[in-house]
Amino acid sequence: MTDMLKKRGRPKKILTEVQKTVEQVKETVSKPIEKNASVDFLSTGIDLLDLVLGGGIPKGKIFNLVGDKSSGKTLVAMEFIAYCKKLLGKKFSWFYDDAEAGFSFDPKKLYGFDIMEDNQTFSNTIEEFNENVKKKVEEVRKGESFIYTLDSLDSLTSSQEIKRDEERTKQIEAAEEKGEDAKLKGTYGMEKQKMLSEFFRLRVQDIKNKDAVIIVISQVRANIGVMFGEKQIRTGGKALDFYASQVVWLAEVEKHYKKDRVVGITIKVKCKKNKVGLPFRECFLDVLFDYGIDNTASNIKFLYDLLTPLGKFSKKRIVWDGKEYSFDGLIDHIEKNNLEEELSKRVKDKWMQIEEDISSKDRKPRWQE
């Protein structure tokens, strides 16, 4: 390409720029895959989840967390808040919108502070959620990181739905007074979906300007009558599909027992959409009900390939720095000797090596001379 430009007598300045671009392309394709340096991430505090996401959750974006009732969605959201508070201190604030009014955890026991204290509201409608987000994002100070969690989107109604419910009640009462059966019309309104689209259009720039993170938790529902495609869906429709920067699905794959009692679960994490990293990355995380996300156990299982493709635990030989350990024995050794950072480094090195091995870095770029 540069030879052609020379023949055509292009100015030296343009030649230099073209050569510089070619060199930049060569340099880029030869580098190993690493975290997107142009994106300002907040770490979730969970090593494997950060790797799945491509570095963490980006500031100024909307993050959608999807799963059924026993898949650890609330715990992942709490872990994220707890880690940011520990890491950022007074430069971090949060708000938890318990729209379901179903929060039953003891965060003070898990994390040493009450996530809900002075940081909780109960949105009932999409309209209330919109106003709460607007107000809280406006209050974010310069240089401060902020997380707003909605738990969950499914529990929100709309003002129109409430109005129709009131009208139905009046119709039933009037019919009962006359000794008649109430004739109720079916409702096929799309107010919730329309209001959600409006919410994203109105708030997305505010969220971006304040580097806020909005976590929207969604419940899964069966996709009745599906012949192909996804067997499960979640509320939010195309609006959430479009505006969410990352969409992560969680599913329980195994229960953990002690003395015949369930003490935790293993969950599968799959990133189905990722605008800031590679999509469709997966991992497995251990959850202990009285402890939270078990980052150390999850890391060991990944590092030593202790899980089947379906997430079931399979015992294998574990050798750490030349010494053999049992699974529980290695957890104990790492925690007693403060080796969590070393374990994290080894996990990240293995993950990045896999990404490099499967990358197309050795392919000739189509646009390279």
Protein backbone atom coordinates (compact mmCIF):
# COMPACT_ATOMS: atom_id res chain seq x y z
CA MET A 1 0.00 0.00 0.00
CA THR A 2 2.80 2.44 0.92
CA ASP A 3 4.58 1.60 -2.37
CA MET A 4 1.44 2.59 -4.27
CA LEU A 5 1.31 5.89 -2.42
CA LYS A 6 4.94 6.56 -3.24
CA LYS A 7 4.32 5.92 -6.93
CA ARG A 8 1.36 8.31 -6.91
CA GLY A 9 3.52 11.03 -5.38
CA ARG A 10 1.57 11.44 -2.12
CA PRO A 11 3.00 13.94 0.39
CA LYS A 12 5.55 12.57 2.85
CA LYS A 13 3.29 13.51 5.81
CA ILE A 14 0.50 11.21 4.57
CA LEU A 15 3.04 8.45 3.94
CA THR A 16 4.31 8.75 7.51
CA GLU A 17 0.77 8.53 8.94
CA VAL A 18 -0.04 5.44 6.86
CA GLN A 19 3.19 3.73 7.95
CA LYS A 20 2.42 4.61 11.57
CA THR A 21 -1.06 3.09 11.28
CA VAL A 22 0.35 -0.11 9.76
CA GLU A 23 2.83 -0.42 12.62
CA GLN A 24 0.07 0.12 15.17
CA VAL A 25 -1.99 -2.66 13.59
CA LYS A 26 1.02 -5.00 13.66
CA GLU A 27 1.66 -4.16 17.30
CA THR A 28 -1.99 -4.67 18.27
CA VAL A 29 -2.40 -8.09 16.67
CA SER A 30 0.85 -9.33 18.20
CA LYS A 31 -0.12 -8.39 21.78
CA PRO A 32 -1.79 -10.92 24.10
CA ILE A 33 -5.43 -10.28 24.96
CA GLU A 34 -5.76 -8.08 28.04
CA LYS A 35 -8.25 -5.86 29.83
CA ASN A 36 -9.75 -3.09 27.70
CA ALA A 37 -7.60 -0.12 28.72
CA SER A 38 -10.03 2.42 27.27
CA VAL A 39 -12.80 1.38 29.70
CA ASP A 40 -12.93 2.44 33.35
CA PHE A 41 -13.97 -0.73 35.19
CA LEU A 42 -15.16 -1.36 38.72
CA SER A 43 -14.05 -4.77 39.96
CA THR A 44 -16.79 -7.03 41.29
CA GLY A 45 -14.39 -8.45 43.88
CA ILE A 46 -14.88 -11.88 42.28
CA ASP A 47 -11.86 -12.85 40.19
CA LEU A 48 -13.53 -15.22 37.74
CA LEU A 49 -16.51 -12.93 37.22
CA ASP A 50 -14.16 -10.03 36.41
CA LEU A 51 -12.44 -12.24 33.84
CA VAL A 52 -15.75 -13.30 32.30
CA LEU A 53 -16.75 -9.63 32.02
CA GLY A 54 -13.44 -8.56 30.49
CA GLY A 55 -12.21 -6.59 33.51
CA GLY A 56 -15.27 -5.88 35.65
CA ILE A 57 -18.36 -3.72 35.31
CA PRO A 58 -17.75 -0.48 33.36
CA LYS A 59 -18.62 2.87 34.92
CA GLY A 60 -21.43 4.84 33.35
CA LYS A 61 -23.22 1.71 32.14
CA ILE A 62 -26.22 -0.52 32.85
CA PHE A 63 -25.52 -4.07 34.02
CA ASN A 64 -28.22 -6.76 33.80
CA LEU A 65 -28.04 -9.75 36.16
CA VAL A 66 -30.45 -12.54 35.25
CA GLY A 67 -31.34 -15.78 37.03
CA ASP A 68 -33.94 -17.83 38.85
CA LYS A 69 -34.81 -17.48 42.54
CA SER A 70 -31.93 -19.61 43.81
CA SER A 71 -29.08 -18.55 41.55
CA GLY A 72 -27.24 -16.03 43.76
CA LYS A 73 -28.20 -12.79 41.97
CA THR A 74 -28.59 -10.76 45.16
CA LEU A 75 -25.36 -12.16 46.61
CA VAL A 76 -23.39 -11.16 43.49
CA ALA A 77 -24.84 -7.63 43.72
CA MET A 78 -24.02 -7.41 47.45
CA GLU A 79 -20.49 -8.72 46.89
CA PHE A 80 -19.93 -6.01 44.29
CA ILE A 81 -21.11 -3.28 46.68
CA ALA A 82 -19.07 -4.66 49.59
CA TYR A 83 -15.88 -4.86 47.53
CA CYS A 84 -16.26 -1.32 46.15
CA LYS A 85 -16.85 0.00 49.67
CA LYS A 86 -13.73 -1.76 50.94
CA LEU A 87 -11.62 -0.59 48.00
CA LEU A 88 -12.89 2.99 47.56
CA GLY A 89 -14.03 3.97 51.05
CA LYS A 90 -15.57 7.45 51.19
CA LYS A 91 -15.24 7.82 47.41
CA PHE A 92 -18.01 5.27 46.95
CA SER A 93 -21.76 5.37 47.55
CA TRP A 94 -24.62 3.02 46.72
CA PHE A 95 -28.35 2.61 46.85
CA TYR A 96 -30.33 -0.63 47.02
CA ASP A 97 -33.84 -0.57 45.57
CA ASP A 98 -35.52 -3.60 47.14
CA ALA A 99 -38.57 -3.41 44.89
CA GLU A 100 -39.54 -6.99 45.78
CA ALA A 101 -39.35 -6.18 49.52
CA GLY A 102 -37.84 -9.64 49.78
CA PHE A 103 -34.30 -8.92 51.00
CA SER A 104 -33.58 -11.57 53.67
CA PHE A 105 -29.79 -11.60 54.02
CA ASP A 106 -27.73 -10.35 56.96
CA PRO A 107 -25.12 -8.19 55.18
CA LYS A 108 -23.64 -7.02 58.47
CA LYS A 109 -22.72 -10.60 59.31
CA LEU A 110 -21.40 -11.26 55.81
CA TYR A 111 -19.54 -8.00 55.14
CA GLY A 112 -19.29 -6.13 58.43
CA PHE A 113 -21.74 -3.36 57.52
CA ASP A 114 -25.43 -3.01 56.74
CA ILE A 115 -25.93 -2.51 53.01
CA MET A 116 -29.54 -1.46 53.60
CA GLU A 117 -29.02 1.06 56.39
CA ASP A 118 -29.89 4.56 55.08
CA ASN A 119 -29.42 3.21 51.54
CA GLN A 120 -32.70 1.55 50.73
CA THR A 121 -35.97 2.31 48.99
CA PHE A 122 -38.92 0.38 47.60
CA SER A 123 -39.92 1.40 44.08
CA ASN A 124 -43.39 0.19 43.22
CA THR A 125 -43.70 1.44 39.64
CA ILE A 126 -41.42 2.13 36.70
CA GLU A 127 -42.21 5.81 37.23
CA GLU A 128 -40.99 5.68 40.85
CA PHE A 129 -37.86 3.81 39.78
CA ASN A 130 -37.14 6.50 37.19
CA GLU A 131 -37.49 9.29 39.76
CA ASN A 132 -35.38 7.45 42.34
CA VAL A 133 -32.54 6.85 39.87
CA LYS A 134 -32.71 10.46 38.66
CA LYS A 135 -32.53 11.81 42.22
CA LYS A 136 -29.74 9.52 43.40
CA VAL A 137 -27.56 9.96 40.31
CA GLU A 138 -27.88 13.75 40.60
CA GLU A 139 -26.56 13.51 44.17
CA VAL A 140 -23.34 11.72 43.10
CA ARG A 141 -20.35 13.92 43.80
CA LYS A 142 -17.46 14.48 41.40
CA GLY A 143 -14.83 11.76 41.69
CA GLU A 144 -17.23 9.42 43.47
CA SER A 145 -18.26 5.97 42.23
CA PHE A 146 -21.93 5.05 42.63
CA ILE A 147 -23.99 1.84 42.27
CA TYR A 148 -27.79 1.73 42.10
CA THR A 149 -29.24 -1.79 42.35
CA LEU A 150 -32.81 -2.63 41.37
CA ASP A 151 -33.93 -5.96 42.84
CA SER A 152 -35.86 -6.79 40.78
CA LEU A 153 -37.28 -5.38 37.56
CA ASP A 154 -40.04 -8.01 37.50
CA SER A 155 -41.68 -6.64 40.64
CA LEU A 156 -42.27 -3.18 39.15
CA THR A 157 -45.67 -2.28 37.80
CA SER A 158 -46.84 0.94 36.09
CA SER A 159 -49.24 3.69 37.08
CA GLN A 160 -51.59 2.58 34.29
CA GLU A 161 -51.67 -0.99 35.62
CA ILE A 162 -52.54 0.33 39.08
CA LYS A 163 -55.28 2.52 37.60
CA ARG A 164 -56.77 -0.44 35.71
CA ASP A 165 -56.70 -2.54 38.87
CA GLU A 166 -58.64 0.14 40.73
CA GLU A 167 -61.17 0.35 37.89
CA ARG A 168 -61.66 -3.44 37.92
CA THR A 169 -62.30 -3.35 41.67
CA LYS A 170 -64.97 -0.66 41.19
CA GLN A 171 -66.59 -2.70 38.38
CA ILE A 172 -66.73 -5.82 40.54
CA GLU A 173 -68.20 -3.93 43.50
CA ALA A 174 -70.83 -2.24 41.29
CA ALA A 175 -71.82 -5.56 39.72
CA GLU A 176 -72.10 -7.23 43.15
CA GLU A 177 -74.48 -4.50 44.33
CA LYS A 178 -76.73 -5.27 41.35
CA GLY A 179 -76.38 -9.01 41.81
CA GLU A 180 -74.67 -9.36 38.44
CA ASP A 181 -71.40 -10.78 37.20
CA ALA A 182 -68.80 -8.17 36.40
CA LYS A 183 -67.86 -7.95 32.71
CA LEU A 184 -64.17 -7.27 32.73
CA LYS A 185 -62.16 -6.43 29.65
CA GLY A 186 -58.82 -8.10 29.04
CA THR A 187 -55.73 -5.92 29.30
CA TYR A 188 -52.98 -6.09 26.75
CA GLY A 189 -51.22 -2.89 27.65
CA MET A 190 -47.51 -2.45 27.05
CA GLU A 191 -47.07 0.42 29.51
CA LYS A 192 -44.27 -1.27 31.45
CA GLN A 193 -42.20 -1.96 28.36
CA LYS A 194 -42.84 1.52 26.97
CA MET A 195 -41.96 3.17 30.29
CA LEU A 196 -38.81 1.10 30.55
CA SER A 197 -37.69 2.25 27.10
CA GLU A 198 -38.45 5.82 28.13
CA PHE A 199 -36.48 5.37 31.36
CA PHE A 200 -33.37 4.26 29.50
CA ARG A 201 -33.62 7.09 26.97
CA LEU A 202 -34.01 9.68 29.74
CA ARG A 203 -31.44 8.38 32.21
CA VAL A 204 -28.69 6.79 30.11
CA GLN A 205 -26.82 10.09 29.61
CA ASP A 206 -27.15 11.02 33.30
CA ILE A 207 -25.70 7.64 34.25
CA LYS A 208 -22.82 8.08 31.82
CA ASN A 209 -22.03 11.64 32.92
CA LYS A 210 -21.79 10.63 36.57
CA ASP A 211 -19.90 7.36 35.94
CA ALA A 212 -22.69 5.58 37.81
CA VAL A 213 -23.45 1.86 37.52
CA ILE A 214 -27.07 0.70 37.40
CA ILE A 215 -27.55 -2.98 38.23
CA VAL A 216 -30.88 -4.34 37.05
CA ILE A 217 -31.72 -7.76 38.48
CA SER A 218 -34.17 -9.85 36.44
CA GLN A 219 -35.97 -13.12 37.08
CA VAL A 220 -36.12 -15.81 34.39
CA ARG A 221 -39.37 -17.08 32.97
CA ALA A 222 -40.15 -20.04 30.74
CA ASN A 223 -40.49 -19.12 27.07
CA ILE A 224 -43.76 -20.97 26.51
CA GLY A 225 -44.15 -22.63 23.12
CA VAL A 226 -40.60 -21.95 21.97
CA MET A 227 -39.50 -24.13 19.04
CA PHE A 228 -36.02 -22.67 18.68
CA GLY A 229 -33.87 -20.09 20.41
CA GLU A 230 -33.90 -19.36 24.15
CA LYS A 231 -36.07 -21.56 26.37
CA GLN A 232 -35.97 -18.91 29.10
CA ILE A 233 -36.64 -15.19 28.87
CA ARG A 234 -36.60 -12.22 31.24
CA THR A 235 -38.56 -9.00 31.45
CA GLY A 236 -37.11 -5.85 29.95
CA GLY A 237 -37.53 -6.82 26.34
CA LYS A 238 -35.60 -5.13 23.58
CA ALA A 239 -34.99 -1.98 25.64
CA LEU A 240 -32.84 -3.81 28.19
CA ASP A 241 -31.20 -5.87 25.45
CA PHE A 242 -30.19 -2.64 23.71
CA TYR A 243 -29.17 -0.41 26.63
CA ALA A 244 -27.44 -2.91 28.92
CA SER A 245 -23.69 -2.96 28.38
CA GLN A 246 -23.40 -6.46 29.86
CA VAL A 247 -26.01 -9.16 30.39
CA VAL A 248 -25.04 -12.00 32.72
CA TRP A 249 -27.14 -15.10 33.33
CA LEU A 250 -26.79 -17.22 36.48
CA ALA A 251 -28.00 -20.77 37.06
CA GLU A 252 -27.63 -23.19 39.97
CA VAL A 253 -25.80 -26.37 38.93
CA GLU A 254 -24.99 -28.14 42.20
CA LYS A 255 -25.85 -28.08 45.91
CA HIS A 256 -23.22 -28.43 48.66
CA TYR A 257 -24.02 -30.53 51.72
CA LYS A 258 -22.65 -30.86 55.23
CA LYS A 259 -24.24 -33.41 57.57
CA ASP A 260 -27.07 -33.86 55.07
CA ARG A 261 -27.91 -30.14 55.07
CA VAL A 262 -27.52 -27.76 52.15
CA VAL A 263 -24.91 -25.13 53.01
CA GLY A 264 -24.28 -23.64 49.57
CA ILE A 265 -24.46 -24.01 45.83
CA THR A 266 -22.33 -23.83 42.70
CA ILE A 267 -23.65 -21.43 40.09
CA LYS A 268 -22.83 -21.18 36.41
CA VAL A 269 -22.15 -17.67 35.13
CA LYS A 270 -22.55 -16.89 31.44
CA CYS A 271 -22.09 -13.45 29.86
CA LYS A 272 -24.56 -13.43 26.97
CA LYS A 273 -23.85 -9.83 25.95
CA ASN A 274 -20.71 -7.79 26.45
CA LYS A 275 -20.03 -4.45 24.75
CA VAL A 276 -16.66 -4.00 26.47
CA GLY A 277 -15.17 -7.47 26.29
CA LEU A 278 -15.43 -10.85 24.62
CA PRO A 279 -18.97 -12.27 24.85
CA PHE A 280 -20.15 -15.74 25.87
CA ARG A 281 -17.43 -16.26 28.47
CA GLU A 282 -18.40 -18.61 31.31
CA CYS A 283 -17.28 -19.64 34.77
CA PHE A 284 -18.51 -21.41 37.90
CA LEU A 285 -18.73 -19.78 41.33
CA ASP A 286 -19.20 -21.32 44.75
CA VAL A 287 -21.72 -19.70 47.09
CA LEU A 288 -21.94 -20.39 50.83
CA PHE A 289 -25.16 -19.14 52.40
CA ASP A 290 -23.46 -17.91 55.60
CA TYR A 291 -20.31 -16.63 53.87
CA GLY A 292 -21.19 -15.24 50.45
CA ILE A 293 -19.28 -15.84 47.21
CA ASP A 294 -16.37 -18.18 47.94
CA ASN A 295 -13.71 -16.56 45.75
CA THR A 296 -10.90 -18.81 46.98
CA ALA A 297 -12.75 -22.08 46.41
CA SER A 298 -13.96 -20.94 42.99
CA ASN A 299 -10.41 -19.98 41.98
CA ILE A 300 -8.94 -23.31 43.10
CA LYS A 301 -11.56 -25.28 41.19
CA PHE A 302 -10.78 -23.32 38.02
CA LEU A 303 -7.01 -23.43 38.44
CA TYR A 304 -6.95 -27.22 38.91
CA ASP A 305 -9.86 -28.12 36.59
CA LEU A 306 -11.85 -29.64 39.43
CA LEU A 307 -15.24 -29.18 37.77
CA THR A 308 -16.88 -31.11 34.96
CA PRO A 309 -18.30 -29.15 32.00
CA LEU A 310 -21.65 -29.23 33.84
CA GLY A 311 -20.13 -27.77 37.00
CA LYS A 312 -20.03 -30.95 39.09
CA PHE A 313 -17.10 -31.30 41.50
CA SER A 314 -14.55 -34.00 40.64
CA LYS A 315 -11.64 -34.71 42.97
CA LYS A 316 -8.22 -34.55 41.38
CA ARG A 317 -4.64 -34.35 42.56
CA ILE A 318 -3.78 -30.82 43.71
CA VAL A 319 -0.14 -29.75 43.89
CA TRP A 320 0.70 -26.22 45.09
CA ASP A 321 4.38 -25.26 44.96
CA GLY A 322 5.49 -28.91 44.96
CA LYS A 323 3.30 -30.03 47.86
CA GLU A 324 0.13 -32.09 47.51
CA TYR A 325 -3.08 -30.92 49.21
CA SER A 326 -6.69 -31.92 49.50
CA PHE A 327 -9.21 -29.35 48.24
CA ASP A 328 -10.12 -28.16 51.76
CA GLY A 329 -6.47 -28.41 52.78
CA LEU A 330 -5.36 -26.00 50.04
CA ILE A 331 -8.10 -23.51 51.00
CA ASP A 332 -6.83 -23.63 54.58
CA HIS A 333 -3.18 -23.24 53.47
CA ILE A 334 -3.95 -20.24 51.24
CA GLU A 335 -6.03 -18.43 53.85
CA LYS A 336 -3.62 -19.05 56.75
CA ASN A 337 -0.65 -17.82 54.71
CA ASN A 338 -2.43 -14.88 53.02
CA LEU A 339 -1.85 -16.31 49.56
CA GLU A 340 -5.14 -15.07 48.05
CA GLU A 341 -3.39 -12.57 45.77
CA GLU A 342 -0.97 -15.21 44.52
CA LEU A 343 -3.88 -17.56 43.81
CA SER A 344 -5.69 -14.75 42.00
CA LYS A 345 -2.59 -14.05 39.87
CA ARG A 346 -2.27 -17.71 38.86
CA VAL A 347 -5.96 -17.86 37.94
CA LYS A 348 -5.69 -14.72 35.80
CA ASP A 349 -2.51 -16.01 34.13
CA LYS A 350 -4.23 -19.28 33.23
CA TRP A 351 -7.33 -17.49 31.92
CA MET A 352 -5.31 -15.09 29.77
CA GLN A 353 -3.16 -17.93 28.44
CA ILE A 354 -6.29 -19.75 27.31
CA GLU A 355 -7.56 -16.57 25.63
CA GLU A 356 -4.23 -16.12 23.86
CA ASP A 357 -4.15 -19.75 22.75
CA ILE A 358 -7.60 -19.52 21.13
CA SER A 359 -7.16 -16.03 19.69
CA SER A 360 -6.62 -15.21 16.02
CA LYS A 361 -3.40 -13.30 16.72
CA ASP A 362 -1.41 -15.48 14.30
CA ARG A 363 -3.80 -14.84 11.43
CA LYS A 364 -2.73 -12.36 8.79
CA PRO A 365 -4.89 -9.21 9.19
CA ARG A 366 -7.02 -8.59 6.12
CA TRP A 367 -6.03 -4.92 5.95
CA GLN A 368 -2.31 -5.33 6.60
CA GLU A 369 0.06 -4.66 3.70
